Amino acid sequence: MFIFLIISFIFAIISLLLPRIFGHKKEEPEKNVPYECSILPFGDARVRYDVQYYLFALLFVLFDVEIVLLFPWALIFKNFANPIFILIEGIIFIMILLVGLIYAWKRGALTWRA
């Protein structure tokens, strides 16, 4: 175990040092210009976005992950010794999600204002 720790530490050090030793040293102004799809940038890159956008995206990811967690539960539902207990746990899980969804809906997190 100790040998693996030493080897990984040496590998990390070598991986950090090799680009500094063999990398290009000459700075070019074209290299530092940000671009996307060969279009030169215009305007300010620090545009402020509404928090609503991030909240909407976070809620989408949250509910998406929660729904993904329901698939394995549904697939092995019949294999449990006490399926009623598992069904009640699933209903409680969905109710907690429903309460969160209603709360977000009432707070206006799901209304998209362009």
N, C-alpha and C. Protein backbone atom coordinates (compact mmCIF):
# COMPACT_ATOMS: atom_id res chain seq x y z
N MET A 1 0.83 -1.19 0.00
CA MET A 1 0.00 0.00 0.00
C MET A 1 0.88 1.26 0.00
N PHE A 2 1.92 1.21 0.79
CA PHE A 2 2.83 2.35 0.87
C PHE A 2 3.55 2.58 -0.46
N ILE A 3 3.84 1.47 -1.16
CA ILE A 3 4.51 1.58 -2.46
C ILE A 3 3.61 2.30 -3.46
N PHE A 4 2.30 1.97 -3.46
CA PHE A 4 1.37 2.65 -4.35
C PHE A 4 1.28 4.14 -4.04
N LEU A 5 1.33 4.49 -2.77
CA LEU A 5 1.30 5.89 -2.37
C LEU A 5 2.53 6.63 -2.89
N ILE A 6 3.69 6.01 -2.77
CA ILE A 6 4.92 6.64 -3.25
C ILE A 6 4.89 6.77 -4.78
N ILE A 7 4.44 5.71 -5.47
CA ILE A 7 4.39 5.76 -6.93
C ILE A 7 3.41 6.83 -7.40
N SER A 8 2.26 6.93 -6.76
CA SER A 8 1.29 7.95 -7.17
C SER A 8 1.82 9.36 -6.88
N PHE A 9 2.51 9.54 -5.80
CA PHE A 9 3.09 10.84 -5.49
C PHE A 9 4.15 11.22 -6.52
N ILE A 10 5.02 10.27 -6.86
CA ILE A 10 6.06 10.54 -7.87
C ILE A 10 5.42 10.83 -9.22
N PHE A 11 4.39 10.07 -9.60
CA PHE A 11 3.69 10.31 -10.86
C PHE A 11 3.06 11.70 -10.90
N ALA A 12 2.46 12.13 -9.78
CA ALA A 12 1.86 13.47 -9.73
C ALA A 12 2.93 14.55 -9.88
N ILE A 13 4.04 14.40 -9.22
CA ILE A 13 5.12 15.39 -9.32
C ILE A 13 5.67 15.45 -10.75
N ILE A 14 5.89 14.27 -11.35
CA ILE A 14 6.39 14.24 -12.73
C ILE A 14 5.38 14.86 -13.68
N SER A 15 4.10 14.58 -13.50
CA SER A 15 3.06 15.14 -14.37
C SER A 15 2.98 16.66 -14.26
N LEU A 16 3.31 17.20 -13.11
CA LEU A 16 3.30 18.65 -12.94
C LEU A 16 4.57 19.31 -13.46
N LEU A 17 5.69 18.61 -13.40
CA LEU A 17 6.96 19.20 -13.79
C LEU A 17 7.27 19.08 -15.28
N LEU A 18 6.83 18.01 -15.93
CA LEU A 18 7.15 17.82 -17.35
C LEU A 18 6.65 18.95 -18.24
N PRO A 19 5.44 19.45 -18.10
CA PRO A 19 5.02 20.56 -18.96
C PRO A 19 5.85 21.83 -18.72
N ARG A 20 6.29 22.05 -17.52
CA ARG A 20 7.12 23.23 -17.25
C ARG A 20 8.49 23.11 -17.90
N ILE A 21 9.01 21.90 -17.96
CA ILE A 21 10.33 21.69 -18.54
C ILE A 21 10.27 21.72 -20.07
N PHE A 22 9.32 21.00 -20.66
CA PHE A 22 9.28 20.84 -22.10
C PHE A 22 8.25 21.71 -22.80
N GLY A 23 7.50 22.49 -22.08
CA GLY A 23 6.45 23.32 -22.68
C GLY A 23 7.01 24.55 -23.37
N HIS A 24 6.16 25.19 -24.18
CA HIS A 24 6.57 26.41 -24.88
C HIS A 24 6.68 27.56 -23.89
N LYS A 25 7.71 28.34 -24.06
CA LYS A 25 7.95 29.45 -23.14
C LYS A 25 7.51 30.80 -23.72
N LYS A 26 7.36 30.88 -25.04
CA LYS A 26 7.09 32.15 -25.68
C LYS A 26 5.59 32.48 -25.60
N GLU A 27 5.29 33.63 -25.04
CA GLU A 27 3.90 34.10 -24.95
C GLU A 27 3.54 34.86 -26.21
N GLU A 28 2.41 34.53 -26.79
CA GLU A 28 1.91 35.23 -27.96
C GLU A 28 0.56 35.85 -27.62
N PRO A 29 0.32 37.08 -28.09
CA PRO A 29 -0.96 37.71 -27.74
C PRO A 29 -2.17 36.98 -28.32
N GLU A 30 -2.02 36.32 -29.46
CA GLU A 30 -3.14 35.59 -30.04
C GLU A 30 -3.54 34.39 -29.20
N LYS A 31 -2.56 33.85 -28.47
CA LYS A 31 -2.84 32.67 -27.67
C LYS A 31 -3.73 33.01 -26.47
N ASN A 32 -3.67 34.22 -25.98
CA ASN A 32 -4.43 34.60 -24.79
C ASN A 32 -5.79 35.22 -25.10
N VAL A 33 -6.16 35.32 -26.36
CA VAL A 33 -7.45 35.89 -26.72
C VAL A 33 -8.52 34.80 -26.64
N PRO A 34 -9.57 35.01 -25.86
CA PRO A 34 -10.64 34.01 -25.82
C PRO A 34 -11.49 34.09 -27.08
N TYR A 35 -11.90 32.96 -27.59
CA TYR A 35 -12.76 32.94 -28.77
C TYR A 35 -13.65 31.72 -28.70
N GLU A 36 -14.71 31.79 -29.46
CA GLU A 36 -15.60 30.65 -29.57
C GLU A 36 -16.02 30.51 -31.01
N CYS A 37 -15.76 29.39 -31.59
CA CYS A 37 -16.09 29.11 -33.00
C CYS A 37 -15.44 30.12 -33.92
N SER A 38 -14.21 30.48 -33.68
CA SER A 38 -13.41 31.42 -34.47
C SER A 38 -14.00 32.81 -34.56
N ILE A 39 -14.86 33.18 -33.65
CA ILE A 39 -15.43 34.53 -33.63
C ILE A 39 -14.71 35.31 -32.54
N LEU A 40 -14.18 36.45 -32.90
CA LEU A 40 -13.50 37.28 -31.91
C LEU A 40 -14.51 37.80 -30.89
N PRO A 41 -14.08 37.92 -29.65
CA PRO A 41 -15.01 38.38 -28.62
C PRO A 41 -15.40 39.84 -28.80
N PHE A 42 -16.60 40.15 -28.37
CA PHE A 42 -17.07 41.53 -28.39
C PHE A 42 -17.86 41.77 -27.11
N GLY A 43 -17.81 42.99 -26.65
CA GLY A 43 -18.52 43.33 -25.42
C GLY A 43 -17.76 42.86 -24.18
N ASP A 44 -18.42 42.96 -23.05
CA ASP A 44 -17.83 42.57 -21.78
C ASP A 44 -18.11 41.09 -21.50
N ALA A 45 -17.12 40.37 -21.06
CA ALA A 45 -17.29 38.96 -20.76
C ALA A 45 -17.99 38.74 -19.43
N ARG A 46 -18.06 39.76 -18.61
CA ARG A 46 -18.65 39.63 -17.28
C ARG A 46 -20.11 40.09 -17.29
N VAL A 47 -20.93 39.40 -18.04
CA VAL A 47 -22.35 39.73 -18.10
C VAL A 47 -23.03 39.09 -16.90
N ARG A 48 -23.85 39.86 -16.23
CA ARG A 48 -24.53 39.33 -15.05
C ARG A 48 -25.81 38.62 -15.47
N TYR A 49 -25.97 37.41 -15.00
CA TYR A 49 -27.16 36.63 -15.26
C TYR A 49 -28.08 36.70 -14.05
N ASP A 50 -29.35 36.58 -14.32
CA ASP A 50 -30.32 36.58 -13.23
C ASP A 50 -30.18 35.29 -12.42
N VAL A 51 -30.39 35.39 -11.15
CA VAL A 51 -30.30 34.22 -10.27
C VAL A 51 -31.38 33.21 -10.65
N GLN A 52 -32.45 33.67 -11.24
CA GLN A 52 -33.55 32.80 -11.65
C GLN A 52 -33.06 31.70 -12.59
N TYR A 53 -32.14 32.03 -13.47
CA TYR A 53 -31.59 31.04 -14.40
C TYR A 53 -30.89 29.92 -13.64
N TYR A 54 -30.06 30.25 -12.69
CA TYR A 54 -29.33 29.26 -11.93
C TYR A 54 -30.27 28.43 -11.05
N LEU A 55 -31.27 29.07 -10.48
CA LEU A 55 -32.24 28.37 -9.65
C LEU A 55 -33.03 27.36 -10.48
N PHE A 56 -33.44 27.77 -11.67
CA PHE A 56 -34.16 26.87 -12.56
C PHE A 56 -33.29 25.67 -12.94
N ALA A 57 -32.05 25.92 -13.28
CA ALA A 57 -31.13 24.84 -13.66
C ALA A 57 -30.86 23.91 -12.48
N LEU A 58 -30.70 24.47 -11.30
CA LEU A 58 -30.45 23.66 -10.11
C LEU A 58 -31.65 22.78 -9.79
N LEU A 59 -32.85 23.33 -9.91
CA LEU A 59 -34.05 22.53 -9.67
C LEU A 59 -34.19 21.42 -10.71
N PHE A 60 -33.86 21.72 -11.95
CA PHE A 60 -33.90 20.68 -12.98
C PHE A 60 -32.95 19.55 -12.64
N VAL A 61 -31.72 19.87 -12.29
CA VAL A 61 -30.74 18.83 -11.96
C VAL A 61 -31.19 18.05 -10.73
N LEU A 62 -31.71 18.74 -9.73
CA LEU A 62 -32.15 18.07 -8.51
C LEU A 62 -33.25 17.07 -8.80
N PHE A 63 -34.30 17.48 -9.52
CA PHE A 63 -35.40 16.57 -9.79
C PHE A 63 -35.00 15.49 -10.79
N ASP A 64 -34.09 15.79 -11.67
CA ASP A 64 -33.62 14.79 -12.61
C ASP A 64 -32.88 13.68 -11.88
N VAL A 65 -32.03 14.04 -10.94
CA VAL A 65 -31.29 13.04 -10.16
C VAL A 65 -32.25 12.23 -9.29
N GLU A 66 -33.24 12.88 -8.73
CA GLU A 66 -34.20 12.17 -7.89
C GLU A 66 -35.00 11.15 -8.70
N ILE A 67 -35.38 11.51 -9.92
CA ILE A 67 -36.11 10.57 -10.76
C ILE A 67 -35.21 9.40 -11.17
N VAL A 68 -33.95 9.67 -11.42
CA VAL A 68 -33.02 8.60 -11.75
C VAL A 68 -32.89 7.62 -10.59
N LEU A 69 -33.00 8.12 -9.36
CA LEU A 69 -32.93 7.24 -8.19
C LEU A 69 -34.17 6.35 -8.06
N LEU A 70 -35.26 6.72 -8.69
CA LEU A 70 -36.47 5.90 -8.61
C LEU A 70 -36.41 4.68 -9.52
N PHE A 71 -35.64 4.72 -10.59
CA PHE A 71 -35.59 3.59 -11.52
C PHE A 71 -35.07 2.30 -10.88
N PRO A 72 -33.93 2.31 -10.18
CA PRO A 72 -33.48 1.06 -9.55
C PRO A 72 -34.46 0.56 -8.49
N TRP A 73 -35.07 1.49 -7.78
CA TRP A 73 -36.06 1.12 -6.76
C TRP A 73 -37.23 0.40 -7.41
N ALA A 74 -37.70 0.88 -8.54
CA ALA A 74 -38.83 0.26 -9.22
C ALA A 74 -38.46 -1.10 -9.81
N LEU A 75 -37.22 -1.26 -10.25
CA LEU A 75 -36.82 -2.52 -10.87
C LEU A 75 -36.71 -3.66 -9.87
N ILE A 76 -36.28 -3.37 -8.65
CA ILE A 76 -36.10 -4.44 -7.67
C ILE A 76 -37.21 -4.45 -6.62
N PHE A 77 -38.32 -3.80 -6.92
CA PHE A 77 -39.42 -3.70 -5.97
C PHE A 77 -39.97 -5.07 -5.58
N LYS A 78 -40.13 -5.97 -6.54
CA LYS A 78 -40.72 -7.29 -6.27
C LYS A 78 -39.78 -8.21 -5.50
N ASN A 79 -38.49 -7.91 -5.49
CA ASN A 79 -37.52 -8.80 -4.85
C ASN A 79 -37.43 -8.60 -3.34
N PHE A 80 -38.07 -7.59 -2.80
CA PHE A 80 -37.99 -7.34 -1.36
C PHE A 80 -38.93 -8.28 -0.61
N ALA A 81 -38.57 -8.58 0.64
CA ALA A 81 -39.39 -9.48 1.46
C ALA A 81 -40.70 -8.81 1.87
N ASN A 82 -40.63 -7.51 2.14
CA ASN A 82 -41.83 -6.79 2.57
C ASN A 82 -42.08 -5.64 1.59
N PRO A 83 -42.80 -5.90 0.48
CA PRO A 83 -42.97 -4.85 -0.52
C PRO A 83 -43.85 -3.70 -0.05
N ILE A 84 -44.70 -3.91 0.93
CA ILE A 84 -45.55 -2.82 1.43
C ILE A 84 -44.69 -1.76 2.11
N PHE A 85 -43.72 -2.19 2.89
CA PHE A 85 -42.82 -1.23 3.55
C PHE A 85 -42.03 -0.43 2.51
N ILE A 86 -41.57 -1.11 1.48
CA ILE A 86 -40.81 -0.44 0.42
C ILE A 86 -41.71 0.52 -0.35
N LEU A 87 -42.97 0.13 -0.57
CA LEU A 87 -43.92 1.01 -1.25
C LEU A 87 -44.17 2.27 -0.43
N ILE A 88 -44.31 2.12 0.88
CA ILE A 88 -44.52 3.29 1.75
C ILE A 88 -43.30 4.20 1.71
N GLU A 89 -42.09 3.62 1.73
CA GLU A 89 -40.88 4.43 1.62
C GLU A 89 -40.84 5.20 0.31
N GLY A 90 -41.22 4.55 -0.79
CA GLY A 90 -41.25 5.21 -2.10
C GLY A 90 -42.27 6.34 -2.12
N ILE A 91 -43.43 6.12 -1.52
CA ILE A 91 -44.46 7.17 -1.47
C ILE A 91 -43.97 8.35 -0.64
N ILE A 92 -43.31 8.09 0.48
CA ILE A 92 -42.76 9.18 1.30
C ILE A 92 -41.71 9.95 0.51
N PHE A 93 -40.86 9.25 -0.23
CA PHE A 93 -39.84 9.90 -1.06
C PHE A 93 -40.48 10.81 -2.10
N ILE A 94 -41.52 10.31 -2.77
CA ILE A 94 -42.19 11.10 -3.79
C ILE A 94 -42.93 12.28 -3.15
N MET A 95 -43.49 12.10 -1.97
CA MET A 95 -44.17 13.21 -1.29
C MET A 95 -43.19 14.32 -0.90
N ILE A 96 -42.00 13.93 -0.47
CA ILE A 96 -40.99 14.95 -0.15
C ILE A 96 -40.62 15.73 -1.41
N LEU A 97 -40.48 15.01 -2.54
CA LEU A 97 -40.22 15.70 -3.80
C LEU A 97 -41.38 16.61 -4.19
N LEU A 98 -42.60 16.15 -3.97
CA LEU A 98 -43.78 16.94 -4.31
C LEU A 98 -43.86 18.20 -3.46
N VAL A 99 -43.54 18.10 -2.18
CA VAL A 99 -43.53 19.28 -1.31
C VAL A 99 -42.48 20.28 -1.79
N GLY A 100 -41.30 19.79 -2.18
CA GLY A 100 -40.27 20.68 -2.72
C GLY A 100 -40.70 21.34 -4.01
N LEU A 101 -41.37 20.58 -4.87
CA LEU A 101 -41.85 21.14 -6.13
C LEU A 101 -42.92 22.20 -5.90
N ILE A 102 -43.84 21.93 -4.99
CA ILE A 102 -44.89 22.92 -4.69
C ILE A 102 -44.28 24.17 -4.09
N TYR A 103 -43.30 24.00 -3.22
CA TYR A 103 -42.63 25.16 -2.61
C TYR A 103 -41.94 26.01 -3.68
N ALA A 104 -41.22 25.35 -4.59
CA ALA A 104 -40.53 26.08 -5.66
C ALA A 104 -41.54 26.75 -6.58
N TRP A 105 -42.65 26.10 -6.83
CA TRP A 105 -43.68 26.67 -7.70
C TRP A 105 -44.32 27.90 -7.06
N LYS A 106 -44.61 27.81 -5.77
CA LYS A 106 -45.22 28.95 -5.06
C LYS A 106 -44.25 30.13 -4.95
N ARG A 107 -42.98 29.85 -4.84
CA ARG A 107 -41.98 30.92 -4.75
C ARG A 107 -41.68 31.55 -6.10
N GLY A 108 -42.19 30.95 -7.18
CA GLY A 108 -41.98 31.51 -8.51
C GLY A 108 -40.68 31.08 -9.15
N ALA A 109 -40.09 29.98 -8.65
CA ALA A 109 -38.81 29.54 -9.21
C ALA A 109 -38.99 28.88 -10.57
N LEU A 110 -40.19 28.46 -10.91
CA LEU A 110 -40.41 27.77 -12.17
C LEU A 110 -41.00 28.66 -13.25
N THR A 111 -41.21 29.93 -12.95
CA THR A 111 -41.70 30.84 -13.99
C THR A 111 -40.50 31.44 -14.68
N TRP A 112 -40.47 31.30 -15.98
CA TRP A 112 -39.34 31.77 -16.78
C TRP A 112 -39.61 33.17 -17.30
N ARG A 113 -38.80 34.10 -16.84
CA ARG A 113 -38.94 35.50 -17.30
C ARG A 113 -37.76 35.82 -18.20
N ALA A 114 -38.05 36.02 -19.48
CA ALA A 114 -36.98 36.27 -20.45
C ALA A 114 -36.57 37.73 -20.47
